[in-house]
Amino acid sequence: NTVLSYANDLEQMVEFLGDDFASIKQ
């Protein structure tokens, strides 16, 4: 359940901020 929740959370983050993780700022 924790892994599934984290997967959904990170998918939502990527949808909002994109997947260029090195360029994401505070």
mmCIF file of all heavy atoms, coordinates in Angstrom:
data_MODEL
# 
_entry.id   MODEL 
# 
loop_
_atom_site.group_PDB 
_atom_site.id 
_atom_site.type_symbol 
_atom_site.label_atom_id 
_atom_site.label_alt_id 
_atom_site.label_comp_id 
_atom_site.label_asym_id 
_atom_site.label_entity_id 
_atom_site.label_seq_id 
_atom_site.pdbx_PDB_ins_code 
_atom_site.Cartn_x 
_atom_site.Cartn_y 
_atom_site.Cartn_z 
_atom_site.occupancy 
_atom_site.B_iso_or_equiv 
_atom_site.pdbx_formal_charge 
_atom_site.auth_seq_id 
_atom_site.auth_comp_id 
_atom_site.auth_asym_id 
_atom_site.auth_atom_id 
_atom_site.pdbx_PDB_model_num 
ATOM 1   N N   . ASN A 1 1  ? 0.831  -1.218 0.000   1.00 0.00 ? 1  ASN A N   1 
ATOM 2   C CA  . ASN A 1 1  ? 0.000  0.000  0.000   1.00 0.00 ? 1  ASN A CA  1 
ATOM 3   C C   . ASN A 1 1  ? 0.861  1.262  0.000   1.00 0.00 ? 1  ASN A C   1 
ATOM 4   O O   . ASN A 1 1  ? 0.546  2.242  -0.684  1.00 0.00 ? 1  ASN A O   1 
ATOM 5   C CB  . ASN A 1 1  ? -0.932 0.009  1.208   1.00 0.00 ? 1  ASN A CB  1 
ATOM 6   C CG  . ASN A 1 1  ? -2.081 -0.963 1.058   1.00 0.00 ? 1  ASN A CG  1 
ATOM 7   O OD1 . ASN A 1 1  ? -2.416 -1.356 -0.043  1.00 0.00 ? 1  ASN A OD1 1 
ATOM 8   N ND2 . ASN A 1 1  ? -2.672 -1.363 2.174   1.00 0.00 ? 1  ASN A ND2 1 
ATOM 9   N N   . THR A 1 2  ? 1.941  1.246  0.785   1.00 0.00 ? 2  THR A N   1 
ATOM 10  C CA  . THR A 1 2  ? 2.840  2.405  0.838   1.00 0.00 ? 2  THR A CA  1 
ATOM 11  C C   . THR A 1 2  ? 3.489  2.648  -0.516  1.00 0.00 ? 2  THR A C   1 
ATOM 12  O O   . THR A 1 2  ? 3.545  3.787  -0.998  1.00 0.00 ? 2  THR A O   1 
ATOM 13  C CB  . THR A 1 2  ? 3.930  2.194  1.899   1.00 0.00 ? 2  THR A CB  1 
ATOM 14  O OG1 . THR A 1 2  ? 3.318  2.078  3.188   1.00 0.00 ? 2  THR A OG1 1 
ATOM 15  C CG2 . THR A 1 2  ? 4.911  3.358  1.922   1.00 0.00 ? 2  THR A CG2 1 
ATOM 16  N N   . VAL A 1 3  ? 3.961  1.580  -1.144  1.00 0.00 ? 3  VAL A N   1 
ATOM 17  C CA  . VAL A 1 3  ? 4.609  1.700  -2.452  1.00 0.00 ? 3  VAL A CA  1 
ATOM 18  C C   . VAL A 1 3  ? 3.621  2.231  -3.489  1.00 0.00 ? 3  VAL A C   1 
ATOM 19  O O   . VAL A 1 3  ? 3.954  3.106  -4.294  1.00 0.00 ? 3  VAL A O   1 
ATOM 20  C CB  . VAL A 1 3  ? 5.185  0.344  -2.902  1.00 0.00 ? 3  VAL A CB  1 
ATOM 21  C CG1 . VAL A 1 3  ? 5.719  0.426  -4.331  1.00 0.00 ? 3  VAL A CG1 1 
ATOM 22  C CG2 . VAL A 1 3  ? 6.297  -0.097 -1.959  1.00 0.00 ? 3  VAL A CG2 1 
ATOM 23  N N   . LEU A 1 4  ? 2.397  1.723  -3.454  1.00 0.00 ? 4  LEU A N   1 
ATOM 24  C CA  . LEU A 1 4  ? 1.377  2.179  -4.402  1.00 0.00 ? 4  LEU A CA  1 
ATOM 25  C C   . LEU A 1 4  ? 1.049  3.656  -4.179  1.00 0.00 ? 4  LEU A C   1 
ATOM 26  O O   . LEU A 1 4  ? 0.912  4.432  -5.141  1.00 0.00 ? 4  LEU A O   1 
ATOM 27  C CB  . LEU A 1 4  ? 0.118  1.333  -4.244  1.00 0.00 ? 4  LEU A CB  1 
ATOM 28  C CG  . LEU A 1 4  ? -1.037 1.630  -5.219  1.00 0.00 ? 4  LEU A CG  1 
ATOM 29  C CD1 . LEU A 1 4  ? -0.580 1.429  -6.658  1.00 0.00 ? 4  LEU A CD1 1 
ATOM 30  C CD2 . LEU A 1 4  ? -2.245 0.757  -4.906  1.00 0.00 ? 4  LEU A CD2 1 
ATOM 31  N N   . SER A 1 5  ? 0.937  4.074  -2.904  1.00 0.00 ? 5  SER A N   1 
ATOM 32  C CA  . SER A 1 5  ? 0.652  5.475  -2.591  1.00 0.00 ? 5  SER A CA  1 
ATOM 33  C C   . SER A 1 5  ? 1.781  6.384  -3.076  1.00 0.00 ? 5  SER A C   1 
ATOM 34  O O   . SER A 1 5  ? 1.535  7.436  -3.679  1.00 0.00 ? 5  SER A O   1 
ATOM 35  C CB  . SER A 1 5  ? 0.460  5.650  -1.079  1.00 0.00 ? 5  SER A CB  1 
ATOM 36  O OG  . SER A 1 5  ? -0.666 4.937  -0.616  1.00 0.00 ? 5  SER A OG  1 
ATOM 37  N N   . TYR A 1 6  ? 3.025  5.979  -2.804  1.00 0.00 ? 6  TYR A N   1 
ATOM 38  C CA  . TYR A 1 6  ? 4.176  6.770  -3.250  1.00 0.00 ? 6  TYR A CA  1 
ATOM 39  C C   . TYR A 1 6  ? 4.217  6.856  -4.776  1.00 0.00 ? 6  TYR A C   1 
ATOM 40  O O   . TYR A 1 6  ? 4.566  7.902  -5.339  1.00 0.00 ? 6  TYR A O   1 
ATOM 41  C CB  . TYR A 1 6  ? 5.471  6.159  -2.716  1.00 0.00 ? 6  TYR A CB  1 
ATOM 42  C CG  . TYR A 1 6  ? 5.907  6.685  -1.366  1.00 0.00 ? 6  TYR A CG  1 
ATOM 43  C CD1 . TYR A 1 6  ? 4.971  7.006  -0.394  1.00 0.00 ? 6  TYR A CD1 1 
ATOM 44  C CD2 . TYR A 1 6  ? 7.255  6.860  -1.048  1.00 0.00 ? 6  TYR A CD2 1 
ATOM 45  C CE1 . TYR A 1 6  ? 5.360  7.490  0.842   1.00 0.00 ? 6  TYR A CE1 1 
ATOM 46  C CE2 . TYR A 1 6  ? 7.655  7.344  0.191   1.00 0.00 ? 6  TYR A CE2 1 
ATOM 47  C CZ  . TYR A 1 6  ? 6.704  7.657  1.129   1.00 0.00 ? 6  TYR A CZ  1 
ATOM 48  O OH  . TYR A 1 6  ? 7.083  8.139  2.360   1.00 0.00 ? 6  TYR A OH  1 
ATOM 49  N N   . ALA A 1 7  ? 3.872  5.757  -5.445  1.00 0.00 ? 7  ALA A N   1 
ATOM 50  C CA  . ALA A 1 7  ? 3.867  5.754  -6.911  1.00 0.00 ? 7  ALA A CA  1 
ATOM 51  C C   . ALA A 1 7  ? 2.854  6.769  -7.437  1.00 0.00 ? 7  ALA A C   1 
ATOM 52  O O   . ALA A 1 7  ? 3.151  7.539  -8.372  1.00 0.00 ? 7  ALA A O   1 
ATOM 53  C CB  . ALA A 1 7  ? 3.538  4.354  -7.429  1.00 0.00 ? 7  ALA A CB  1 
ATOM 54  N N   . ASN A 1 8  ? 1.681  6.794  -6.844  1.00 0.00 ? 8  ASN A N   1 
ATOM 55  C CA  . ASN A 1 8  ? 0.647  7.754  -7.254  1.00 0.00 ? 8  ASN A CA  1 
ATOM 56  C C   . ASN A 1 8  ? 1.068  9.193  -6.958  1.00 0.00 ? 8  ASN A C   1 
ATOM 57  O O   . ASN A 1 8  ? 0.845  10.105 -7.760  1.00 0.00 ? 8  ASN A O   1 
ATOM 58  C CB  . ASN A 1 8  ? -0.668 7.446  -6.536  1.00 0.00 ? 8  ASN A CB  1 
ATOM 59  C CG  . ASN A 1 8  ? -1.288 6.143  -7.006  1.00 0.00 ? 8  ASN A CG  1 
ATOM 60  O OD1 . ASN A 1 8  ? -1.052 5.710  -8.126  1.00 0.00 ? 8  ASN A OD1 1 
ATOM 61  N ND2 . ASN A 1 8  ? -2.074 5.509  -6.146  1.00 0.00 ? 8  ASN A ND2 1 
ATOM 62  N N   . ASP A 1 9  ? 1.704  9.394  -5.781  1.00 0.00 ? 9  ASP A N   1 
ATOM 63  C CA  . ASP A 1 9  ? 2.155  10.737 -5.401  1.00 0.00 ? 9  ASP A CA  1 
ATOM 64  C C   . ASP A 1 9  ? 3.195  11.268 -6.384  1.00 0.00 ? 9  ASP A C   1 
ATOM 65  O O   . ASP A 1 9  ? 3.144  12.428 -6.808  1.00 0.00 ? 9  ASP A O   1 
ATOM 66  C CB  . ASP A 1 9  ? 2.745  10.718 -3.991  1.00 0.00 ? 9  ASP A CB  1 
ATOM 67  C CG  . ASP A 1 9  ? 1.705  10.400 -2.926  1.00 0.00 ? 9  ASP A CG  1 
ATOM 68  O OD1 . ASP A 1 9  ? 0.509  10.633 -3.188  1.00 0.00 ? 9  ASP A OD1 1 
ATOM 69  O OD2 . ASP A 1 9  ? 2.091  9.915  -1.852  1.00 0.00 ? 9  ASP A OD2 1 
ATOM 70  N N   . LEU A 1 10 ? 4.148  10.412 -6.751  1.00 0.00 ? 10 LEU A N   1 
ATOM 71  C CA  . LEU A 1 10 ? 5.218  10.840 -7.655  1.00 0.00 ? 10 LEU A CA  1 
ATOM 72  C C   . LEU A 1 10 ? 4.702  11.029 -9.084  1.00 0.00 ? 10 LEU A C   1 
ATOM 73  O O   . LEU A 1 10 ? 5.168  11.911 -9.811  1.00 0.00 ? 10 LEU A O   1 
ATOM 74  C CB  . LEU A 1 10 ? 6.367  9.824  -7.624  1.00 0.00 ? 10 LEU A CB  1 
ATOM 75  C CG  . LEU A 1 10 ? 7.102  9.741  -6.283  1.00 0.00 ? 10 LEU A CG  1 
ATOM 76  C CD1 . LEU A 1 10 ? 8.132  8.623  -6.305  1.00 0.00 ? 10 LEU A CD1 1 
ATOM 77  C CD2 . LEU A 1 10 ? 7.775  11.072 -5.942  1.00 0.00 ? 10 LEU A CD2 1 
ATOM 78  N N   . GLU A 1 11 ? 3.720  10.220 -9.467  1.00 0.00 ? 11 GLU A N   1 
ATOM 79  C CA  . GLU A 1 11 ? 3.107  10.390 -10.780 1.00 0.00 ? 11 GLU A CA  1 
ATOM 80  C C   . GLU A 1 11 ? 2.409  11.748 -10.863 1.00 0.00 ? 11 GLU A C   1 
ATOM 81  O O   . GLU A 1 11 ? 2.500  12.456 -11.874 1.00 0.00 ? 11 GLU A O   1 
ATOM 82  C CB  . GLU A 1 11 ? 2.096  9.268  -11.026 1.00 0.00 ? 11 GLU A CB  1 
ATOM 83  C CG  . GLU A 1 11 ? 1.444  9.328  -12.403 1.00 0.00 ? 11 GLU A CG  1 
ATOM 84  C CD  . GLU A 1 11 ? 0.453  8.201  -12.634 1.00 0.00 ? 11 GLU A CD  1 
ATOM 85  O OE1 . GLU A 1 11 ? 0.433  7.255  -11.822 1.00 0.00 ? 11 GLU A OE1 1 
ATOM 86  O OE2 . GLU A 1 11 ? -0.301 8.279  -13.615 1.00 0.00 ? 11 GLU A OE2 1 
ATOM 87  N N   . GLN A 1 12 ? 1.748  12.132 -9.773  1.00 0.00 ? 12 GLN A N   1 
ATOM 88  C CA  . GLN A 1 12 ? 1.078  13.433 -9.741  1.00 0.00 ? 12 GLN A CA  1 
ATOM 89  C C   . GLN A 1 12 ? 2.096  14.569 -9.788  1.00 0.00 ? 12 GLN A C   1 
ATOM 90  O O   . GLN A 1 12 ? 1.883  15.595 -10.451 1.00 0.00 ? 12 GLN A O   1 
ATOM 91  C CB  . GLN A 1 12 ? 0.217  13.546 -8.482  1.00 0.00 ? 12 GLN A CB  1 
ATOM 92  C CG  . GLN A 1 12 ? -0.667 14.782 -8.456  1.00 0.00 ? 12 GLN A CG  1 
ATOM 93  C CD  . GLN A 1 12 ? -1.555 14.840 -7.235  1.00 0.00 ? 12 GLN A CD  1 
ATOM 94  O OE1 . GLN A 1 12 ? -1.328 14.144 -6.247  1.00 0.00 ? 12 GLN A OE1 1 
ATOM 95  N NE2 . GLN A 1 12 ? -2.593 15.669 -7.291  1.00 0.00 ? 12 GLN A NE2 1 
ATOM 96  N N   . MET A 1 13 ? 3.218  14.390 -9.094  1.00 0.00 ? 13 MET A N   1 
ATOM 97  C CA  . MET A 1 13 ? 4.276  15.392 -9.119  1.00 0.00 ? 13 MET A CA  1 
ATOM 98  C C   . MET A 1 13 ? 4.813  15.576 -10.534 1.00 0.00 ? 13 MET A C   1 
ATOM 99  O O   . MET A 1 13 ? 5.027  16.703 -11.004 1.00 0.00 ? 13 MET A O   1 
ATOM 100 C CB  . MET A 1 13 ? 5.408  14.981 -8.178  1.00 0.00 ? 13 MET A CB  1 
ATOM 101 C CG  . MET A 1 13 ? 6.584  15.966 -8.152  1.00 0.00 ? 13 MET A CG  1 
ATOM 102 S SD  . MET A 1 13 ? 8.079  15.274 -7.392  1.00 0.00 ? 13 MET A SD  1 
ATOM 103 C CE  . MET A 1 13 ? 8.653  14.169 -8.690  1.00 0.00 ? 13 MET A CE  1 
ATOM 104 N N   . VAL A 1 14 ? 5.035  14.445 -11.231 1.00 0.00 ? 14 VAL A N   1 
ATOM 105 C CA  . VAL A 1 14 ? 5.560  14.493 -12.596 1.00 0.00 ? 14 VAL A CA  1 
ATOM 106 C C   . VAL A 1 14 ? 4.567  15.175 -13.541 1.00 0.00 ? 14 VAL A C   1 
ATOM 107 O O   . VAL A 1 14 ? 4.960  15.958 -14.408 1.00 0.00 ? 14 VAL A O   1 
ATOM 108 C CB  . VAL A 1 14 ? 5.898  13.068 -13.089 1.00 0.00 ? 14 VAL A CB  1 
ATOM 109 C CG1 . VAL A 1 14 ? 6.148  13.051 -14.598 1.00 0.00 ? 14 VAL A CG1 1 
ATOM 110 C CG2 . VAL A 1 14 ? 7.124  12.530 -12.351 1.00 0.00 ? 14 VAL A CG2 1 
ATOM 111 N N   . GLU A 1 15 ? 3.285  14.904 -13.344 1.00 0.00 ? 15 GLU A N   1 
ATOM 112 C CA  . GLU A 1 15 ? 2.257  15.543 -14.178 1.00 0.00 ? 15 GLU A CA  1 
ATOM 113 C C   . GLU A 1 15 ? 2.279  17.061 -14.009 1.00 0.00 ? 15 GLU A C   1 
ATOM 114 O O   . GLU A 1 15 ? 2.055  17.813 -14.965 1.00 0.00 ? 15 GLU A O   1 
ATOM 115 C CB  . GLU A 1 15 ? 0.870  15.007 -13.808 1.00 0.00 ? 15 GLU A CB  1 
ATOM 116 C CG  . GLU A 1 15 ? 0.601  13.594 -14.305 1.00 0.00 ? 15 GLU A CG  1 
ATOM 117 C CD  . GLU A 1 15 ? -0.765 13.088 -13.883 1.00 0.00 ? 15 GLU A CD  1 
ATOM 118 O OE1 . GLU A 1 15 ? -1.521 13.871 -13.254 1.00 0.00 ? 15 GLU A OE1 1 
ATOM 119 O OE2 . GLU A 1 15 ? -1.077 11.923 -14.160 1.00 0.00 ? 15 GLU A OE2 1 
ATOM 120 N N   . PHE A 1 16 ? 2.583  17.511 -12.798 1.00 0.00 ? 16 PHE A N   1 
ATOM 121 C CA  . PHE A 1 16 ? 2.556  18.948 -12.510 1.00 0.00 ? 16 PHE A CA  1 
ATOM 122 C C   . PHE A 1 16 ? 3.887  19.626 -12.837 1.00 0.00 ? 16 PHE A C   1 
ATOM 123 O O   . PHE A 1 16 ? 3.905  20.742 -13.373 1.00 0.00 ? 16 PHE A O   1 
ATOM 124 C CB  . PHE A 1 16 ? 2.218  19.167 -11.033 1.00 0.00 ? 16 PHE A CB  1 
ATOM 125 C CG  . PHE A 1 16 ? 1.928  20.596 -10.672 1.00 0.00 ? 16 PHE A CG  1 
ATOM 126 C CD1 . PHE A 1 16 ? 0.646  21.126 -10.843 1.00 0.00 ? 16 PHE A CD1 1 
ATOM 127 C CD2 . PHE A 1 16 ? 2.916  21.428 -10.161 1.00 0.00 ? 16 PHE A CD2 1 
ATOM 128 C CE1 . PHE A 1 16 ? 0.368  22.462 -10.518 1.00 0.00 ? 16 PHE A CE1 1 
ATOM 129 C CE2 . PHE A 1 16 ? 2.655  22.743 -9.833  1.00 0.00 ? 16 PHE A CE2 1 
ATOM 130 C CZ  . PHE A 1 16 ? 1.385  23.263 -10.017 1.00 0.00 ? 16 PHE A CZ  1 
ATOM 131 N N   . LEU A 1 17 ? 5.006  18.957 -12.520 1.00 0.00 ? 17 LEU A N   1 
ATOM 132 C CA  . LEU A 1 17 ? 6.321  19.595 -12.634 1.00 0.00 ? 17 LEU A CA  1 
ATOM 133 C C   . LEU A 1 17 ? 7.193  19.035 -13.757 1.00 0.00 ? 17 LEU A C   1 
ATOM 134 O O   . LEU A 1 17 ? 8.243  19.598 -14.063 1.00 0.00 ? 17 LEU A O   1 
ATOM 135 C CB  . LEU A 1 17 ? 7.089  19.441 -11.304 1.00 0.00 ? 17 LEU A CB  1 
ATOM 136 C CG  . LEU A 1 17 ? 6.463  20.112 -10.081 1.00 0.00 ? 17 LEU A CG  1 
ATOM 137 C CD1 . LEU A 1 17 ? 7.281  19.787 -8.827  1.00 0.00 ? 17 LEU A CD1 1 
ATOM 138 C CD2 . LEU A 1 17 ? 6.372  21.621 -10.269 1.00 0.00 ? 17 LEU A CD2 1 
ATOM 139 N N   . GLY A 1 18 ? 6.765  17.931 -14.374 1.00 0.00 ? 18 GLY A N   1 
ATOM 140 C CA  . GLY A 1 18 ? 7.597  17.313 -15.394 1.00 0.00 ? 18 GLY A CA  1 
ATOM 141 C C   . GLY A 1 18 ? 8.577  16.325 -14.792 1.00 0.00 ? 18 GLY A C   1 
ATOM 142 O O   . GLY A 1 18 ? 8.674  16.180 -13.571 1.00 0.00 ? 18 GLY A O   1 
ATOM 143 N N   . ASP A 1 19 ? 9.335  15.637 -15.657 1.00 0.00 ? 19 ASP A N   1 
ATOM 144 C CA  . ASP A 1 19 ? 10.239 14.587 -15.169 1.00 0.00 ? 19 ASP A CA  1 
ATOM 145 C C   . ASP A 1 19 ? 11.726 14.929 -15.334 1.00 0.00 ? 19 ASP A C   1 
ATOM 146 O O   . ASP A 1 19 ? 12.584 14.053 -15.284 1.00 0.00 ? 19 ASP A O   1 
ATOM 147 C CB  . ASP A 1 19 ? 9.929  13.246 -15.851 1.00 0.00 ? 19 ASP A CB  1 
ATOM 148 C CG  . ASP A 1 19 ? 10.125 13.294 -17.350 1.00 0.00 ? 19 ASP A CG  1 
ATOM 149 O OD1 . ASP A 1 19 ? 10.533 14.354 -17.871 1.00 0.00 ? 19 ASP A OD1 1 
ATOM 150 O OD2 . ASP A 1 19 ? 9.879  12.267 -18.004 1.00 0.00 ? 19 ASP A OD2 1 
ATOM 151 N N   . ASP A 1 20 ? 12.021 16.207 -15.534 1.00 0.00 ? 20 ASP A N   1 
ATOM 152 C CA  . ASP A 1 20 ? 13.429 16.631 -15.521 1.00 0.00 ? 20 ASP A CA  1 
ATOM 153 C C   . ASP A 1 20 ? 13.793 16.955 -14.078 1.00 0.00 ? 20 ASP A C   1 
ATOM 154 O O   . ASP A 1 20 ? 13.838 18.120 -13.661 1.00 0.00 ? 20 ASP A O   1 
ATOM 155 C CB  . ASP A 1 20 ? 13.624 17.849 -16.426 1.00 0.00 ? 20 ASP A CB  1 
ATOM 156 C CG  . ASP A 1 20 ? 15.094 18.241 -16.552 1.00 0.00 ? 20 ASP A CG  1 
ATOM 157 O OD1 . ASP A 1 20 ? 15.938 17.525 -15.979 1.00 0.00 ? 20 ASP A OD1 1 
ATOM 158 O OD2 . ASP A 1 20 ? 15.382 19.268 -17.196 1.00 0.00 ? 20 ASP A OD2 1 
ATOM 159 N N   . PHE A 1 21 ? 14.056 15.919 -13.299 1.00 0.00 ? 21 PHE A N   1 
ATOM 160 C CA  . PHE A 1 21 ? 14.199 16.067 -11.848 1.00 0.00 ? 21 PHE A CA  1 
ATOM 161 C C   . PHE A 1 21 ? 15.354 16.978 -11.454 1.00 0.00 ? 21 PHE A C   1 
ATOM 162 O O   . PHE A 1 21 ? 15.298 17.654 -10.431 1.00 0.00 ? 21 PHE A O   1 
ATOM 163 C CB  . PHE A 1 21 ? 14.361 14.690 -11.193 1.00 0.00 ? 21 PHE A CB  1 
ATOM 164 C CG  . PHE A 1 21 ? 13.223 13.762 -11.485 1.00 0.00 ? 21 PHE A CG  1 
ATOM 165 C CD1 . PHE A 1 21 ? 13.451 12.492 -11.998 1.00 0.00 ? 21 PHE A CD1 1 
ATOM 166 C CD2 . PHE A 1 21 ? 11.919 14.148 -11.260 1.00 0.00 ? 21 PHE A CD2 1 
ATOM 167 C CE1 . PHE A 1 21 ? 12.403 11.629 -12.272 1.00 0.00 ? 21 PHE A CE1 1 
ATOM 168 C CE2 . PHE A 1 21 ? 10.853 13.296 -11.525 1.00 0.00 ? 21 PHE A CE2 1 
ATOM 169 C CZ  . PHE A 1 21 ? 11.098 12.033 -12.039 1.00 0.00 ? 21 PHE A CZ  1 
ATOM 170 N N   . ALA A 1 22 ? 16.393 17.020 -12.270 1.00 0.00 ? 22 ALA A N   1 
ATOM 171 C CA  . ALA A 1 22 ? 17.558 17.853 -11.943 1.00 0.00 ? 22 ALA A CA  1 
ATOM 172 C C   . ALA A 1 22 ? 17.241 19.344 -12.004 1.00 0.00 ? 22 ALA A C   1 
ATOM 173 O O   . ALA A 1 22 ? 17.937 20.155 -11.382 1.00 0.00 ? 22 ALA A O   1 
ATOM 174 C CB  . ALA A 1 22 ? 18.713 17.515 -12.888 1.00 0.00 ? 22 ALA A CB  1 
ATOM 175 N N   . SER A 1 23 ? 16.187 19.709 -12.737 1.00 0.00 ? 23 SER A N   1 
ATOM 176 C CA  . SER A 1 23 ? 15.855 21.135 -12.892 1.00 0.00 ? 23 SER A CA  1 
ATOM 177 C C   . SER A 1 23 ? 14.778 21.602 -11.912 1.00 0.00 ? 23 SER A C   1 
ATOM 178 O O   . SER A 1 23 ? 14.469 22.794 -11.856 1.00 0.00 ? 23 SER A O   1 
ATOM 179 C CB  . SER A 1 23 ? 15.391 21.411 -14.329 1.00 0.00 ? 23 SER A CB  1 
ATOM 180 O OG  . SER A 1 23 ? 14.133 20.802 -14.559 1.00 0.00 ? 23 SER A OG  1 
ATOM 181 N N   . ILE A 1 24 ? 14.202 20.670 -11.139 1.00 0.00 ? 24 ILE A N   1 
ATOM 182 C CA  . ILE A 1 24 ? 13.138 21.044 -10.199 1.00 0.00 ? 24 ILE A CA  1 
ATOM 183 C C   . ILE A 1 24 ? 13.746 21.791 -9.007  1.00 0.00 ? 24 ILE A C   1 
ATOM 184 O O   . ILE A 1 24 ? 14.701 21.325 -8.388  1.00 0.00 ? 24 ILE A O   1 
ATOM 185 C CB  . ILE A 1 24 ? 12.368 19.796 -9.720  1.00 0.00 ? 24 ILE A CB  1 
ATOM 186 C CG1 . ILE A 1 24 ? 11.591 19.187 -10.891 1.00 0.00 ? 24 ILE A CG1 1 
ATOM 187 C CG2 . ILE A 1 24 ? 11.397 20.155 -8.585  1.00 0.00 ? 24 ILE A CG2 1 
ATOM 188 C CD1 . ILE A 1 24 ? 10.844 17.902 -10.551 1.00 0.00 ? 24 ILE A CD1 1 
ATOM 189 N N   . LYS A 1 25 ? 13.185 22.961 -8.700  1.00 0.00 ? 25 LYS A N   1 
ATOM 190 C CA  . LYS A 1 25 ? 13.709 23.807 -7.624  1.00 0.00 ? 25 LYS A CA  1 
ATOM 191 C C   . LYS A 1 25 ? 12.744 23.807 -6.441  1.00 0.00 ? 25 LYS A C   1 
ATOM 192 O O   . LYS A 1 25 ? 11.603 23.348 -6.539  1.00 0.00 ? 25 LYS A O   1 
ATOM 193 C CB  . LYS A 1 25 ? 13.912 25.240 -8.118  1.00 0.00 ? 25 LYS A CB  1 
ATOM 194 C CG  . LYS A 1 25 ? 14.834 25.361 -9.318  1.00 0.00 ? 25 LYS A CG  1 
ATOM 195 C CD  . LYS A 1 25 ? 14.974 26.815 -9.711  1.00 0.00 ? 25 LYS A CD  1 
ATOM 196 C CE  . LYS A 1 25 ? 15.857 26.985 -10.936 1.00 0.00 ? 25 LYS A CE  1 
ATOM 197 N NZ  . LYS A 1 25 ? 15.270 26.367 -12.145 1.00 0.00 ? 25 LYS A NZ  1 
ATOM 198 N N   . GLN A 1 26 ? 13.219 24.375 -5.328  1.00 0.00 ? 26 GLN A N   1 
ATOM 199 C CA  . GLN A 1 26 ? 12.376 24.490 -4.135  1.00 0.00 ? 26 GLN A CA  1 
ATOM 200 C C   . GLN A 1 26 ? 11.095 25.255 -4.443  1.00 0.00 ? 26 GLN A C   1 
ATOM 201 O O   . GLN A 1 26 ? 10.006 24.882 -3.990  1.00 0.00 ? 26 GLN A O   1 
ATOM 202 C CB  . GLN A 1 26 ? 13.151 25.194 -3.014  1.00 0.00 ? 26 GLN A CB  1 
ATOM 203 C CG  . GLN A 1 26 ? 12.326 25.386 -1.735  1.00 0.00 ? 26 GLN A CG  1 
ATOM 204 C CD  . GLN A 1 26 ? 13.089 26.149 -0.667  1.00 0.00 ? 26 GLN A CD  1 
ATOM 205 O OE1 . GLN A 1 26 ? 14.304 26.099 -0.616  1.00 0.00 ? 26 GLN A OE1 1 
ATOM 206 N NE2 . GLN A 1 26 ? 12.368 26.868 0.172   1.00 0.00 ? 26 GLN A NE2 1 
# 
